[in-house]
Each structure stands twice: as structure tokens, then as C-alpha cells.
Amino acid sequence: MSPPRKKKGSPSTGGGDPISALRSAVLKEAGINVISLDDAPDYGFVSTGLPLLDLLSGGGIPLGGITHVWGNSRTGKTALALRLGGVFQRMVPNGVVFFIDTENALSGPFARLIGTDPSKLLLPEDGVTTEGGVVSVEKAFAAIEAAVTTYTGLVGPGTVLVVWDSWASSDAQEDLDKGYSGGRLAAKARAASKGLARLRAALRKTRCPMVVTNQVRANVGAIFGPQELAPGGRALLFYTDLSIKLREKQKIKGPGDDPIGAEVEFYVEKCRSAPPFRRGAFRIYFIRGAITDSECWYPLLKRYGKATAPGGRVKIDGLEGEYTFTSIADFAQQVENDALLRSRLHKTLQEALFQDNVPLAPPVEETLTDQLDRAFGGDPDE
């Protein structure tokens, strides 16, 4: 059998490196420079300020990526986004937060209480972008791209944290022009599908992270699969690097049995840098504006067999004889104040969490239908 004849004009290696020939051919025909994965930049992460969330998300908020935070009302979505903004401002030199407040509900005193520097929190002024201060999806895309491109060009990459609060309250320009009567079906989803592809490329190029909060809608009529959905089309979920669902676990009672805070459970639904389907928690204290996870370490360590509390005294595997914890509250206090202890616990949990024999946590608010569907091999998303 004779060898195939080479087509006229096809590139030849000339006895050289075929990879170099591939790069030359792609550069010549498509104008695209090809590099190996070893030469690709490592974008890294920005800490959330919550060690448990950093651990379960693979390092924190991905630089150059999109983080999706969604859940029911009163689960601390905006509070967590502002907390991330405050940590970002302190950790990144000249770092600013660009806040797209489509809910028109941002509170200055609350942002200060959480720890955000208001002088470095920038947002569109009412009435400037569109009539009534309503920012359309298309204008938000344009504003974010202009903000990250311009600021990083002057200051440096990775210096803008974009917060979009919230995706559910954003409308396409077509829907806004139609008023309350509404526009075409799925106009927002179509605009998002086009805009996110371009915006993600701009975020990647500038290494700027973006956090998008979202609400919850009931999946009406669903018998199988998830009973709750994130609104606004599916494009956001595909372009997301990290997706976190929040659920209020319990209220924290103070003197007089009055609620002074809430314990919020987070569930890592999607993660491109660590195994997904992990669950942890943090606590929000309303009056102090504090968000902490120190009280939530013991339940997670206990879940994976790394902690016990016989007689109320906490014992941690690998730390016997080095630390003394007289109670669970004393353990939480020491975790809050001792960075070395948090580092040791982080390593202990990391070894436990990322073993192949560790069972994955079931989805938050998983129904009996979801459990049956998962047990018999069905795909909950279909």
C-alpha cells in the first residue's frame, strides 16, 4: 500500500520537532500562539478569610475566574461577598472592589461593619447608567470589562474584585425597554450566554476574580432531580469555576433567647481546583458584623473521625499532649486565636478530606426523590 500523498501547501517538519511545526502552522494559519501547559501562568487564589471555606474550595476565590454564591434569603450571600471584598482590599496592594448592585440594596453602614473599606468600594451611581439606576445585563458586562481592563492596565493584574449582587435581579436591556410588560422569552439568558464568554476572557487576561450572588427559584412540577434552581439561565453555571450554595442551619441565641446570629452551611457544588460536593459551615454575628468559622471546626473533624469529646474534653488526632481543650467552646476559642493550631488542623482535615475512601456529603436539602434518583444511577440534572 502506497503512503498517502502530501497535500499541496501542507506544513512539513523537515525532520525537526513536530511540536514546533504545530506551533508554526497554527500561528501562520490562525494567528494564535500555542504554548504548553508548563508555560501557562498559574493564576492562584485569594483567601476568603475563612480557613474552612479556603480548604474545601481548593484555596479560596480563583483569580481570573467566576465564583457563584447562591441560596435562600437570609443566608448571608451579600455579607459573604462584602467579607471577601474586605479581605481582598487588605491582602492585595491597591486592591479595589467593583460592586454591581442590581438589587439597589447595598448598605454603607453594613459594608463598614463587615470590614470593607468604603473608599475602595466602587459602584455605579444611581441614574448614571440607565434611567432609575437600573443596570442591564449588557451594560453591566461592558462596565465590568472596562473597569478591570483599565484599572489593571494602570496598577497591575489581579487588583479588582468584581461583585455582582445579584444575578437574579439583573434584566436584559430588551426587557427593561419593554417595561413591566416584559420582552422576549429568555432574553436575559441569550444576553448572558454571549456576554459571559467575552467577560470571562477579560477576567482571565487581567487575573481579576468575580463573585456573583444569586437567588433560588422552585423547580415547579419537578418530580425527579433538584427541587431548587438558580435563576438566570444555565450559562452562568457553565462559566463558573466555583459554585457555593448557602443554607441557614440554625439561629444563634443570645441573652433573653434573642437571635444574635446564624450558622450558615455552605456546600461546594462545583470546583475546578478541588474535589466538589464538600460541606462546611460558618457563623455570622449580626451586631458585631463578624463572620467566623472557628466554632465549626469540631463538627467537621468529628464527622471524619479526627475528633472526640469524652467527658466534654476535646481530643484531636495527632495533637494529644500538645494542646489541652477543656470544652468544645475552649477549642473554638483557641482555634480563633492560634494561627499555628489552625495550620495543624488544616493539615489534618486535608489528609482526611482528600482520601478516596471518604464519603461525599449529600447535597444540601436533598429530598427523598433526589436520594432515590442518585441511588439508582439517575442524573439529577436531566
Protein backbone atom coordinates (compact mmCIF):
# COMPACT_ATOMS: atom_id res chain seq x y z
CA MET A 1 0.00 0.00 0.00
CA SER A 2 1.48 3.32 -1.07
CA PRO A 3 1.78 6.10 1.54
CA PRO A 4 -0.75 8.96 1.33
CA ARG A 5 0.32 11.83 -0.85
CA LYS A 6 1.06 15.06 0.98
CA LYS A 7 -1.41 17.84 0.17
CA LYS A 8 -0.08 20.87 -1.57
CA GLY A 9 0.79 23.65 0.87
CA SER A 10 0.71 21.43 3.98
CA PRO A 11 3.44 22.19 6.53
CA SER A 12 6.45 19.92 6.73
CA THR A 13 8.53 19.23 9.81
CA GLY A 14 11.65 18.97 7.70
CA GLY A 15 12.97 16.41 10.17
CA GLY A 16 12.55 18.92 13.03
CA ASP A 17 10.42 18.97 16.15
CA PRO A 18 6.77 18.20 15.28
CA ILE A 19 5.55 20.33 18.21
CA SER A 20 7.44 23.33 16.81
CA ALA A 21 5.88 22.60 13.43
CA LEU A 22 2.43 22.53 15.03
CA ARG A 23 3.04 25.88 16.69
CA SER A 24 4.30 27.43 13.47
CA ALA A 25 1.35 26.12 11.48
CA VAL A 26 -1.25 27.38 13.98
CA LEU A 27 0.46 30.77 14.22
CA LYS A 28 0.58 31.07 10.43
CA GLU A 29 -2.97 29.92 9.69
CA ALA A 30 -4.88 31.22 12.73
CA GLY A 31 -2.60 33.86 14.23
CA ILE A 32 -2.67 32.04 17.58
CA ASN A 33 0.43 31.43 19.68
CA VAL A 34 0.48 27.90 21.12
CA ILE A 35 2.18 27.19 24.46
CA SER A 36 2.46 24.10 26.64
CA LEU A 37 0.65 23.74 29.94
CA ASP A 38 4.01 24.02 31.71
CA ASP A 39 4.38 27.53 30.28
CA ALA A 40 0.81 28.58 31.12
CA PRO A 41 0.50 31.07 34.01
CA ASP A 42 -0.64 29.91 37.44
CA TYR A 43 -3.46 32.27 38.38
CA GLY A 44 -3.73 31.28 42.03
CA PHE A 45 -6.34 32.22 44.63
CA VAL A 46 -7.37 34.94 47.06
CA SER A 47 -8.27 33.81 50.56
CA THR A 48 -11.86 34.15 51.71
CA GLY A 49 -10.70 34.83 55.26
CA LEU A 50 -12.50 31.63 56.32
CA PRO A 51 -9.99 28.74 56.60
CA LEU A 52 -12.64 26.04 56.21
CA LEU A 53 -14.02 27.59 53.04
CA ASP A 54 -10.49 28.03 51.70
CA LEU A 55 -9.75 24.35 52.36
CA LEU A 56 -12.93 22.97 50.81
CA SER A 57 -12.75 25.26 47.78
CA GLY A 58 -9.17 24.34 46.93
CA GLY A 59 -7.57 27.59 48.06
CA GLY A 60 -10.22 30.32 48.07
CA ILE A 61 -11.61 32.55 45.33
CA PRO A 62 -9.90 31.77 41.99
CA LEU A 63 -8.12 34.69 40.35
CA GLY A 64 -9.31 35.23 36.80
CA GLY A 65 -12.37 33.10 37.48
CA ILE A 66 -16.05 33.36 38.42
CA THR A 67 -17.42 32.31 41.82
CA HIS A 68 -21.16 31.68 42.10
CA VAL A 69 -22.72 32.07 45.57
CA TRP A 70 -26.42 31.28 45.79
CA GLY A 71 -29.05 30.36 48.35
CA ASN A 72 -32.26 31.41 50.04
CA SER A 73 -32.76 34.81 51.61
CA ARG A 74 -31.10 35.48 54.98
CA THR A 75 -28.22 33.09 54.28
CA GLY A 76 -25.55 35.80 54.16
CA LYS A 77 -24.82 35.96 50.42
CA THR A 78 -24.20 39.72 50.39
CA ALA A 79 -22.45 39.56 53.77
CA LEU A 80 -20.07 36.90 52.48
CA ALA A 81 -19.41 38.91 49.30
CA LEU A 82 -18.60 42.02 51.36
CA ARG A 83 -16.40 39.93 53.67
CA LEU A 84 -14.49 38.73 50.59
CA GLY A 85 -14.21 42.34 49.49
CA GLY A 86 -12.71 43.42 52.81
CA VAL A 87 -10.18 40.58 52.80
CA PHE A 88 -9.28 41.35 49.17
CA GLN A 89 -8.70 45.04 49.97
CA ARG A 90 -6.35 44.14 52.82
CA MET A 91 -4.44 41.38 51.04
CA VAL A 92 -3.97 42.92 47.58
CA PRO A 93 -1.97 46.17 47.33
CA ASN A 94 -4.13 48.86 45.68
CA GLY A 95 -6.96 46.34 45.51
CA VAL A 96 -10.47 47.71 44.91
CA VAL A 97 -13.94 46.20 44.82
CA PHE A 98 -16.18 46.98 41.85
CA PHE A 99 -19.72 46.35 43.10
CA ILE A 100 -22.62 45.93 40.65
CA ASP A 101 -25.63 46.47 42.91
CA THR A 102 -28.53 45.45 40.69
CA GLU A 103 -30.69 44.87 43.78
CA ASN A 104 -30.19 48.54 44.79
CA ALA A 105 -29.88 47.39 48.38
CA LEU A 106 -26.26 47.93 49.38
CA SER A 107 -25.97 49.40 52.87
CA GLY A 108 -22.95 51.58 53.62
CA PRO A 109 -23.01 51.07 57.41
CA PHE A 110 -23.36 47.30 56.96
CA ALA A 111 -20.44 47.21 54.50
CA ARG A 112 -18.28 49.09 57.02
CA LEU A 113 -19.39 46.77 59.82
CA ILE A 114 -18.38 43.70 57.80
CA GLY A 115 -14.92 45.21 57.30
CA THR A 116 -15.00 46.68 53.80
CA ASP A 117 -13.17 49.94 53.14
CA PRO A 118 -15.88 52.17 51.57
CA SER A 119 -13.29 54.40 49.86
CA LYS A 120 -12.16 51.38 47.83
CA LEU A 121 -15.61 50.06 47.07
CA LEU A 122 -16.80 51.46 43.74
CA LEU A 123 -20.27 51.12 42.28
CA PRO A 124 -22.39 52.72 39.52
CA GLU A 125 -24.16 55.84 40.71
CA ASP A 126 -27.96 55.94 40.59
CA GLY A 127 -29.26 57.42 37.38
CA VAL A 128 -25.94 57.43 35.55
CA THR A 129 -26.12 54.12 33.72
CA THR A 130 -29.81 53.92 32.85
CA GLU A 131 -32.98 55.65 33.92
CA GLY A 132 -33.79 54.95 37.54
CA GLY A 133 -30.38 53.48 38.30
CA VAL A 134 -31.26 50.06 36.82
CA VAL A 135 -28.21 48.41 35.24
CA SER A 136 -28.97 45.99 32.42
CA VAL A 137 -27.01 42.78 31.92
CA GLU A 138 -25.39 44.18 28.78
CA LYS A 139 -24.32 47.43 30.49
CA ALA A 140 -23.01 45.50 33.48
CA PHE A 141 -20.86 43.36 31.19
CA ALA A 142 -19.48 46.46 29.46
CA ALA A 143 -18.85 48.25 32.78
CA ILE A 144 -17.02 45.28 34.31
CA GLU A 145 -14.83 44.74 31.24
CA ALA A 146 -13.91 48.45 31.10
CA ALA A 147 -13.21 48.56 34.86
CA VAL A 148 -10.90 45.54 35.06
CA THR A 149 -9.09 46.33 31.81
CA THR A 150 -8.42 49.99 32.64
CA TYR A 151 -7.52 49.62 36.32
CA THR A 152 -5.24 46.62 35.92
CA GLY A 153 -3.53 48.34 32.98
CA LEU A 154 -2.55 51.17 35.33
CA VAL A 155 -2.00 49.35 38.62
CA GLY A 156 -1.30 45.70 37.81
CA PRO A 157 -3.11 42.38 37.28
CA GLY A 158 -5.46 40.91 39.85
CA THR A 159 -6.25 44.19 41.59
CA VAL A 160 -10.03 44.37 41.03
CA LEU A 161 -12.58 42.14 42.75
CA VAL A 162 -15.90 42.29 40.92
CA VAL A 163 -19.06 41.60 42.94
CA TRP A 164 -22.38 41.24 41.10
CA ASP A 165 -25.27 41.33 43.58
CA SER A 166 -27.37 39.73 42.31
CA TRP A 167 -27.67 37.82 39.07
CA ALA A 168 -31.37 37.09 39.62
CA SER A 169 -32.25 40.80 39.86
CA SER A 170 -30.50 41.67 36.58
CA ASP A 171 -32.51 42.06 33.38
CA ALA A 172 -31.62 42.28 29.73
CA GLN A 173 -31.84 45.70 28.10
CA GLU A 174 -34.66 44.42 25.92
CA ASP A 175 -36.75 43.52 28.97
CA LEU A 176 -36.08 46.91 30.57
CA ASP A 177 -37.12 48.74 27.39
CA LYS A 178 -40.43 46.85 27.37
CA GLY A 179 -41.22 47.96 30.89
CA TYR A 180 -43.44 45.85 33.12
CA SER A 181 -44.95 44.09 30.13
CA GLY A 182 -41.64 42.28 29.58
CA GLY A 183 -39.65 41.41 26.47
CA ARG A 184 -38.96 38.20 24.63
CA LEU A 185 -38.69 34.87 26.39
CA ALA A 186 -35.18 34.11 27.69
CA ALA A 187 -33.74 37.46 26.55
CA LYS A 188 -31.53 37.56 29.63
CA ALA A 189 -30.26 34.02 29.07
CA ARG A 190 -29.29 34.83 25.50
CA ALA A 191 -27.52 38.04 26.53
CA ALA A 192 -25.72 36.21 29.33
CA SER A 193 -24.56 33.42 27.04
CA LYS A 194 -22.87 35.93 24.73
CA GLY A 195 -21.60 38.31 27.40
CA LEU A 196 -20.11 35.75 29.79
CA ALA A 197 -17.83 34.29 27.12
CA ARG A 198 -16.30 37.69 26.42
CA LEU A 199 -16.24 38.76 30.08
CA ARG A 200 -14.57 35.56 31.21
CA ALA A 201 -11.78 36.15 28.69
CA ALA A 202 -11.27 39.67 30.09
CA LEU A 203 -11.20 38.36 33.68
CA ARG A 204 -8.71 35.68 32.72
CA LYS A 205 -6.44 38.15 30.95
CA THR A 206 -6.44 40.60 33.87
CA ARG A 207 -6.45 37.89 36.58
CA CYS A 208 -9.37 39.61 38.32
CA PRO A 209 -11.82 37.45 40.31
CA MET A 210 -15.58 37.92 40.14
CA VAL A 211 -18.17 36.88 42.71
CA VAL A 212 -21.78 36.57 41.53
CA THR A 213 -24.56 36.15 44.09
CA ASN A 214 -27.81 34.55 43.06
CA GLN A 215 -31.21 33.72 44.46
CA VAL A 216 -33.23 30.49 44.48
CA ARG A 217 -36.31 29.50 42.49
CA ALA A 218 -38.51 26.45 42.99
CA ASN A 219 -38.33 23.89 40.23
CA VAL A 220 -42.11 23.82 39.77
CA GLY A 221 -43.51 20.49 38.65
CA ALA A 222 -40.25 18.60 39.15
CA ILE A 223 -40.72 15.03 40.32
CA PHE A 224 -37.15 13.89 39.81
CA GLY A 225 -33.99 15.92 40.10
CA PRO A 226 -33.32 19.09 42.07
CA GLN A 227 -36.25 20.86 43.68
CA GLU A 228 -34.48 24.24 43.59
CA LEU A 229 -32.82 26.05 40.71
CA ALA A 230 -30.58 29.07 40.30
CA PRO A 231 -32.39 31.58 38.03
CA GLY A 232 -30.98 33.42 35.03
CA GLY A 233 -30.23 30.64 32.57
CA ARG A 234 -27.59 27.93 32.58
CA ALA A 235 -24.71 29.86 31.01
CA LEU A 236 -23.50 31.22 34.37
CA LEU A 237 -23.21 27.73 35.83
CA PHE A 238 -21.09 26.55 32.92
CA TYR A 239 -18.70 29.51 33.11
CA THR A 240 -18.40 29.28 36.90
CA ASP A 241 -15.15 27.98 38.41
CA LEU A 242 -16.55 27.67 41.93
CA SER A 243 -20.21 27.33 42.91
CA ILE A 244 -21.25 27.51 46.56
CA LYS A 245 -24.77 27.02 47.88
CA LEU A 246 -25.69 28.52 51.26
CA ARG A 247 -28.36 27.31 53.67
CA GLU A 248 -29.28 28.58 57.11
CA LYS A 249 -28.55 25.78 59.54
CA GLN A 250 -29.63 27.31 62.84
CA LYS A 251 -30.02 30.61 64.63
CA ILE A 252 -27.56 31.58 67.35
CA LYS A 253 -29.36 32.66 70.51
CA GLY A 254 -28.08 35.28 72.94
CA PRO A 255 -29.33 36.72 76.25
CA GLY A 256 -33.08 36.65 76.50
CA ASP A 257 -33.21 33.93 73.84
CA ASP A 258 -32.97 36.60 71.12
CA PRO A 259 -31.19 35.64 67.89
CA ILE A 260 -27.79 37.33 67.67
CA GLY A 261 -26.53 35.46 64.61
CA ALA A 262 -26.93 32.47 62.34
CA GLU A 263 -24.92 29.39 61.47
CA VAL A 264 -24.80 29.00 57.70
CA GLU A 265 -23.93 25.77 55.95
CA PHE A 266 -22.06 26.00 52.65
CA TYR A 267 -22.00 23.25 50.05
CA VAL A 268 -19.35 23.25 47.32
CA GLU A 269 -21.37 22.17 44.28
CA LYS A 270 -18.73 22.80 41.63
CA CYS A 271 -15.00 23.31 41.97
CA ARG A 272 -12.31 23.23 39.29
CA SER A 273 -9.40 23.16 41.73
CA ALA A 274 -10.51 20.58 44.34
CA PRO A 275 -12.99 17.72 44.71
CA PRO A 276 -16.57 19.07 44.82
CA PHE A 277 -19.52 18.01 46.99
CA ARG A 278 -17.89 19.03 50.27
CA ARG A 279 -19.74 20.72 53.09
CA GLY A 280 -18.75 23.07 55.90
CA ALA A 281 -20.19 25.96 57.88
CA PHE A 282 -19.51 29.43 59.23
CA ARG A 283 -21.28 31.77 61.64
CA ILE A 284 -22.50 35.34 61.13
CA TYR A 285 -22.95 37.60 64.17
CA PHE A 286 -25.31 40.44 63.29
CA ILE A 287 -24.36 43.09 65.84
CA ARG A 288 -20.59 42.68 65.54
CA GLY A 289 -20.65 42.12 61.78
CA ALA A 290 -18.32 39.16 62.36
CA ILE A 291 -18.12 36.13 60.08
CA THR A 292 -16.10 33.27 61.57
CA ASP A 293 -15.77 29.51 61.25
CA SER A 294 -13.87 28.74 64.47
CA GLU A 295 -16.97 27.12 66.07
CA CYS A 296 -17.45 24.91 63.00
CA TRP A 297 -14.11 23.07 63.02
CA TYR A 298 -15.03 20.50 65.67
CA PRO A 299 -18.18 19.14 63.93
CA LEU A 300 -16.24 18.68 60.68
CA LEU A 301 -13.30 17.00 62.42
CA LYS A 302 -15.71 14.74 64.28
CA ARG A 303 -17.53 13.85 61.04
CA TYR A 304 -14.30 12.47 59.57
CA GLY A 305 -13.23 10.67 62.75
CA LYS A 306 -10.48 13.08 63.73
CA ALA A 307 -12.00 14.47 66.94
CA THR A 308 -13.83 13.22 70.01
CA ALA A 309 -15.06 14.84 73.20
CA PRO A 310 -15.18 12.27 76.00
CA GLY A 311 -16.47 13.94 79.14
CA GLY A 312 -16.61 17.26 77.30
CA ARG A 313 -12.81 17.47 76.81
CA VAL A 314 -11.90 17.68 73.13
CA LYS A 315 -9.26 15.33 71.75
CA ILE A 316 -7.82 15.78 68.23
CA ASP A 317 -5.92 13.02 66.45
CA GLY A 318 -2.23 13.86 66.28
CA LEU A 319 -2.42 16.68 68.84
CA GLU A 320 -2.59 14.65 72.05
CA GLY A 321 -0.20 16.01 74.66
CA GLU A 322 0.43 19.25 72.73
CA TYR A 323 -2.87 21.05 73.34
CA THR A 324 -5.46 20.90 76.09
CA PHE A 325 -9.08 21.69 75.28
CA THR A 326 -11.33 21.72 78.31
CA SER A 327 -14.51 22.03 76.25
CA ILE A 328 -15.77 22.49 72.70
CA ALA A 329 -16.11 26.23 73.38
CA ASP A 330 -12.50 26.35 74.61
CA PHE A 331 -11.40 24.50 71.47
CA ALA A 332 -13.24 27.04 69.28
CA GLN A 333 -11.63 29.93 71.17
CA GLN A 334 -8.14 28.52 70.71
CA VAL A 335 -8.79 27.90 67.02
CA GLU A 336 -9.83 31.55 66.68
CA ASN A 337 -6.68 32.90 68.37
CA ASP A 338 -3.94 30.40 67.42
CA ALA A 339 -2.74 30.51 63.80
CA LEU A 340 -0.39 27.55 64.33
CA LEU A 341 -3.25 25.42 65.64
CA ARG A 342 -5.36 26.32 62.61
CA SER A 343 -2.48 25.29 60.37
CA ARG A 344 -2.19 21.90 62.13
CA LEU A 345 -5.95 21.34 61.91
CA HIS A 346 -5.91 22.39 58.26
CA LYS A 347 -3.36 19.67 57.51
CA THR A 348 -5.31 17.07 59.49
CA LEU A 349 -8.53 17.87 57.67
CA GLN A 350 -6.81 18.00 54.31
CA GLU A 351 -5.46 14.48 54.76
CA ALA A 352 -8.92 13.24 55.76
CA LEU A 353 -10.94 15.09 53.14
CA PHE A 354 -8.97 14.18 50.05
CA GLN A 355 -8.73 10.42 50.57
CA ASP A 356 -10.59 8.25 48.07
CA ASN A 357 -12.42 6.35 50.84
CA VAL A 358 -14.03 9.47 52.35
CA PRO A 359 -17.77 9.52 51.55
CA LEU A 360 -19.04 12.65 49.84
CA ALA A 361 -21.58 14.79 51.64
CA PRO A 362 -25.10 14.58 50.19
CA PRO A 363 -26.42 17.73 48.50
CA VAL A 364 -27.89 20.42 50.73
CA GLU A 365 -31.61 19.90 51.32
CA GLU A 366 -31.54 16.65 49.34
CA THR A 367 -35.06 15.24 49.07
CA LEU A 368 -36.07 11.59 49.17
CA THR A 369 -36.63 11.77 45.42
CA ASP A 370 -33.08 13.02 44.93
CA GLN A 371 -31.71 10.21 47.10
CA LEU A 372 -33.62 7.54 45.16
CA ASP A 373 -32.60 9.05 41.85
CA ARG A 374 -28.94 9.12 42.89
CA ALA A 375 -29.09 5.60 44.37
CA PHE A 376 -30.42 4.10 41.14
CA GLY A 377 -27.90 5.82 38.92
CA GLY A 378 -30.02 8.64 37.54
CA ASP A 379 -28.61 12.04 36.63
CA PRO A 380 -30.32 14.66 38.85
CA ASP A 381 -29.75 17.34 36.21
CA GLU A 382 -31.59 15.51 33.46
